[in-house]
């Protein structure tokens, strides 16, 4: 009898001066999905 494979979750927190390039790398290069994004009151930007 085989055991089902477990699912892993990965979260990356990476400060950058070029968010567009980082998003392109993870989304287009590695195939990750962008789940959400927002800009905070101090101008910082976050992408999930």
PDB file of N, CA and C in Angstrom:
ATOM      1  N   UNK A   1       0.841  -1.171   0.000  1.00  0.00           N
ATOM      2  CA  UNK A   1       0.000   0.000   0.000  1.00  0.00           C
ATOM      3  C   UNK A   1       0.894   1.245   0.000  1.00  0.00           C
ATOM      4  N   UNK A   2       0.574   2.222  -0.817  1.00  0.00           N
ATOM      5  CA  UNK A   2       1.419   3.415  -0.890  1.00  0.00           C
ATOM      6  C   UNK A   2       0.881   4.525   0.007  1.00  0.00           C
ATOM      7  N   UNK A   3       1.789   5.379   0.425  1.00  0.00           N
ATOM      8  CA  UNK A   3       1.447   6.524   1.267  1.00  0.00           C
ATOM      9  C   UNK A   3       1.328   7.766   0.393  1.00  0.00           C
ATOM     10  N   UNK A   4       0.269   8.575   0.574  1.00  0.00           N
ATOM     11  CA  UNK A   4       0.148   9.791  -0.243  1.00  0.00           C
ATOM     12  C   UNK A   4       1.276  10.778   0.064  1.00  0.00           C
ATOM     13  N   UNK A   5       1.684  11.513  -0.956  1.00  0.00           N
ATOM     14  CA  UNK A   5       2.732  12.516  -0.780  1.00  0.00           C
ATOM     15  C   UNK A   5       2.193  13.712  -0.014  1.00  0.00           C
ATOM     16  N   UNK A   6       3.009  14.271   0.832  1.00  0.00           N
ATOM     17  CA  UNK A   6       2.601  15.472   1.560  1.00  0.00           C
ATOM     18  C   UNK A   6       2.887  16.707   0.708  1.00  0.00           C
ATOM     19  N   UNK A   7       2.231  17.794   1.034  1.00  0.00           N
ATOM     20  CA  UNK A   7       2.409  19.049   0.316  1.00  0.00           C
ATOM     21  C   UNK A   7       3.245  19.992   1.163  1.00  0.00           C
ATOM     22  N   UNK A   8       4.214  20.622   0.545  1.00  0.00           N
ATOM     23  CA  UNK A   8       5.064  21.580   1.253  1.00  0.00           C
ATOM     24  C   UNK A   8       4.659  22.999   0.882  1.00  0.00           C
ATOM     25  N   UNK A   9       4.839  23.919   1.809  1.00  0.00           N
ATOM     26  CA  UNK A   9       4.593  25.341   1.569  1.00  0.00           C
ATOM     27  C   UNK A   9       5.911  26.074   1.732  1.00  0.00           C
ATOM     28  N   UNK A  10       6.144  27.051   0.871  1.00  0.00           N
ATOM     29  CA  UNK A  10       7.374  27.830   0.924  1.00  0.00           C
ATOM     30  C   UNK A  10       7.018  29.304   0.947  1.00  0.00           C
ATOM     31  N   UNK A  11       7.584  30.036   1.886  1.00  0.00           N
ATOM     32  CA  UNK A  11       7.417  31.484   1.934  1.00  0.00           C
ATOM     33  C   UNK A  11       8.798  32.105   1.874  1.00  0.00           C
ATOM     34  N   UNK A  12       8.943  33.093   1.010  1.00  0.00           N
ATOM     35  CA  UNK A  12      10.219  33.781   0.847  1.00  0.00           C
ATOM     36  C   UNK A  12      10.012  35.246   1.180  1.00  0.00           C
ATOM     37  N   UNK A  13      10.803  35.773   2.095  1.00  0.00           N
ATOM     38  CA  UNK A  13      10.789  37.206   2.394  1.00  0.00           C
ATOM     39  C   UNK A  13      12.124  37.754   1.913  1.00  0.00           C
ATOM     40  N   UNK A  14      12.077  38.587   0.885  1.00  0.00           N
ATOM     41  CA  UNK A  14      13.313  39.068   0.286  1.00  0.00           C
ATOM     42  C   UNK A  14      13.221  40.553   0.012  1.00  0.00           C
ATOM     43  N   UNK A  15      13.965  41.379   0.760  1.00  0.00           N
ATOM     44  CA  UNK A  15      13.990  42.811   0.461  1.00  0.00           C
ATOM     45  C   UNK A  15      14.678  43.054  -0.884  1.00  0.00           C
ATOM     46  N   UNK A  16      14.193  44.029  -1.634  1.00  0.00           N
ATOM     47  CA  UNK A  16      14.777  44.313  -2.940  1.00  0.00           C
ATOM     48  C   UNK A  16      14.506  45.746  -3.356  1.00  0.00           C
ATOM     49  N   UNK A  17      15.364  46.262  -4.198  1.00  0.00           N
ATOM     50  CA  UNK A  17      15.148  47.568  -4.817  1.00  0.00           C
ATOM     51  C   UNK A  17      14.507  47.412  -6.194  1.00  0.00           C
ATOM     52  N   UNK A  18      14.313  46.162  -6.642  1.00  0.00           N
ATOM     53  CA  UNK A  18      13.745  45.906  -7.963  1.00  0.00           C
ATOM     54  C   UNK A  18      12.689  44.803  -7.852  1.00  0.00           C
ATOM     55  N   UNK A  19      11.544  45.164  -7.297  1.00  0.00           N
ATOM     56  CA  UNK A  19      10.495  44.177  -7.053  1.00  0.00           C
ATOM     57  C   UNK A  19      10.015  43.525  -8.347  1.00  0.00           C
ATOM     58  N   UNK A  20       9.948  44.291  -9.417  1.00  0.00           N
ATOM     59  CA  UNK A  20       9.497  43.736 -10.693  1.00  0.00           C
ATOM     60  C   UNK A  20      10.354  42.575 -11.157  1.00  0.00           C
ATOM     61  N   UNK A  21      11.663  42.699 -11.019  1.00  0.00           N
ATOM     62  CA  UNK A  21      12.569  41.620 -11.429  1.00  0.00           C
ATOM     63  C   UNK A  21      12.408  40.393 -10.537  1.00  0.00           C
ATOM     64  N   UNK A  22      12.229  40.615  -9.245  1.00  0.00           N
ATOM     65  CA  UNK A  22      12.062  39.492  -8.322  1.00  0.00           C
ATOM     66  C   UNK A  22      10.747  38.768  -8.601  1.00  0.00           C
ATOM     67  N   UNK A  23       9.672  39.535  -8.820  1.00  0.00           N
ATOM     68  CA  UNK A  23       8.381  38.921  -9.148  1.00  0.00           C
ATOM     69  C   UNK A  23       8.495  38.131 -10.446  1.00  0.00           C
ATOM     70  N   UNK A  24       9.133  38.698 -11.450  1.00  0.00           N
ATOM     71  CA  UNK A  24       9.306  37.988 -12.726  1.00  0.00           C
ATOM     72  C   UNK A  24      10.069  36.681 -12.540  1.00  0.00           C
ATOM     73  N   UNK A  25      11.102  36.703 -11.713  1.00  0.00           N
ATOM     74  CA  UNK A  25      11.894  35.498 -11.473  1.00  0.00           C
ATOM     75  C   UNK A  25      11.036  34.387 -10.865  1.00  0.00           C
ATOM     76  N   UNK A  26      10.331  34.706  -9.780  1.00  0.00           N
ATOM     77  CA  UNK A  26       9.544  33.678  -9.098  1.00  0.00           C
ATOM     78  C   UNK A  26       8.292  33.289  -9.882  1.00  0.00           C
ATOM     79  N   UNK A  27       7.628  34.262 -10.513  1.00  0.00           N
ATOM     80  CA  UNK A  27       6.388  33.985 -11.249  1.00  0.00           C
ATOM     81  C   UNK A  27       6.678  33.346 -12.602  1.00  0.00           C
ATOM     82  N   UNK A  28       7.489  34.016 -13.414  1.00  0.00           N
ATOM     83  CA  UNK A  28       7.734  33.553 -14.783  1.00  0.00           C
ATOM     84  C   UNK A  28       8.804  32.468 -14.846  1.00  0.00           C
ATOM     85  N   UNK A  29       9.861  32.629 -14.059  1.00  0.00           N
ATOM     86  CA  UNK A  29      10.968  31.678 -14.106  1.00  0.00           C
ATOM     87  C   UNK A  29      10.692  30.384 -13.371  1.00  0.00           C
ATOM     88  N   UNK A  30      10.111  30.493 -12.172  1.00  0.00           N
ATOM     89  CA  UNK A  30       9.883  29.297 -11.356  1.00  0.00           C
ATOM     90  C   UNK A  30       8.436  28.814 -11.377  1.00  0.00           C
ATOM     91  N   UNK A  31       7.540  29.606 -11.953  1.00  0.00           N
ATOM     92  CA  UNK A  31       6.151  29.176 -12.078  1.00  0.00           C
ATOM     93  C   UNK A  31       5.292  29.386 -10.849  1.00  0.00           C
ATOM     94  N   UNK A  32       5.744  30.230  -9.904  1.00  0.00           N
ATOM     95  CA  UNK A  32       4.935  30.505  -8.717  1.00  0.00           C
ATOM     96  C   UNK A  32       3.777  31.425  -9.087  1.00  0.00           C
ATOM     97  N   UNK A  33       2.683  31.348  -8.341  1.00  0.00           N
ATOM     98  CA  UNK A  33       1.540  32.237  -8.540  1.00  0.00           C
ATOM     99  C   UNK A  33       1.664  33.460  -7.639  1.00  0.00           C
ATOM    100  N   UNK A  34       1.240  34.615  -8.138  1.00  0.00           N
ATOM    101  CA  UNK A  34       1.089  35.800  -7.291  1.00  0.00           C
ATOM    102  C   UNK A  34      -0.302  35.704  -6.683  1.00  0.00           C
ATOM    103  N   UNK A  35      -0.372  35.581  -5.362  1.00  0.00           N
ATOM    104  CA  UNK A  35      -1.648  35.416  -4.681  1.00  0.00           C
ATOM    105  C   UNK A  35      -2.278  36.753  -4.319  1.00  0.00           C
ATOM    106  N   UNK A  36      -1.453  37.726  -3.975  1.00  0.00           N
ATOM    107  CA  UNK A  36      -1.938  39.055  -3.594  1.00  0.00           C
ATOM    108  C   UNK A  36      -0.761  40.009  -3.596  1.00  0.00           C
ATOM    109  N   UNK A  37      -1.066  41.290  -3.671  1.00  0.00           N
ATOM    110  CA  UNK A  37      -0.028  42.314  -3.542  1.00  0.00           C
ATOM    111  C   UNK A  37      -0.666  43.582  -3.000  1.00  0.00           C
ATOM    112  N   UNK A  38       0.137  44.391  -2.318  1.00  0.00           N
ATOM    113  CA  UNK A  38      -0.365  45.657  -1.801  1.00  0.00           C
ATOM    114  C   UNK A  38       0.789  46.603  -1.537  1.00  0.00           C
ATOM    115  N   UNK A  39       0.458  47.872  -1.382  1.00  0.00           N
ATOM    116  CA  UNK A  39       1.435  48.891  -1.002  1.00  0.00           C
ATOM    117  C   UNK A  39       1.052  49.409   0.372  1.00  0.00           C
ATOM    118  N   UNK A  40       2.017  49.431   1.285  1.00  0.00           N
ATOM    119  CA  UNK A  40       1.770  49.888   2.641  1.00  0.00           C
ATOM    120  C   UNK A  40       1.781  51.406   2.745  1.00  0.00           C
ATOM    121  N   UNK A  41       1.374  51.927   3.882  1.00  0.00           N
ATOM    122  CA  UNK A  41       1.278  53.373   4.069  1.00  0.00           C
ATOM    123  C   UNK A  41       2.625  54.098   3.976  1.00  0.00           C
ATOM    124  N   UNK A  42       3.705  53.399   4.227  1.00  0.00           N
ATOM    125  CA  UNK A  42       5.037  54.006   4.139  1.00  0.00           C
ATOM    126  C   UNK A  42       5.661  53.821   2.765  1.00  0.00           C
ATOM    127  N   UNK A  43       4.893  53.316   1.802  1.00  0.00           N
ATOM    128  CA  UNK A  43       5.385  53.150   0.442  1.00  0.00           C
ATOM    129  C   UNK A  43       6.015  51.804   0.149  1.00  0.00           C
ATOM    130  N   UNK A  44       6.116  50.934   1.150  1.00  0.00           N
ATOM    131  CA  UNK A  44       6.685  49.617   0.872  1.00  0.00           C
ATOM    132  C   UNK A  44       5.660  48.788   0.103  1.00  0.00           C
ATOM    133  N   UNK A  45       6.162  47.885  -0.722  1.00  0.00           N
ATOM    134  CA  UNK A  45       5.288  47.024  -1.523  1.00  0.00           C
ATOM    135  C   UNK A  45       5.497  45.572  -1.130  1.00  0.00           C
ATOM    136  N   UNK A  46       4.414  44.826  -1.131  1.00  0.00           N
ATOM    137  CA  UNK A  46       4.433  43.423  -0.720  1.00  0.00           C
ATOM    138  C   UNK A  46       3.742  42.600  -1.797  1.00  0.00           C
ATOM    139  N   UNK A  47       4.322  41.452  -2.103  1.00  0.00           N
ATOM    140  CA  UNK A  47       3.724  40.516  -3.055  1.00  0.00           C
ATOM    141  C   UNK A  47       3.722  39.137  -2.411  1.00  0.00           C
ATOM    142  N   UNK A  48       2.576  38.476  -2.469  1.00  0.00           N
ATOM    143  CA  UNK A  48       2.453  37.093  -1.995  1.00  0.00           C
ATOM    144  C   UNK A  48       2.296  36.196  -3.199  1.00  0.00           C
TER     145      UNK A  48
END
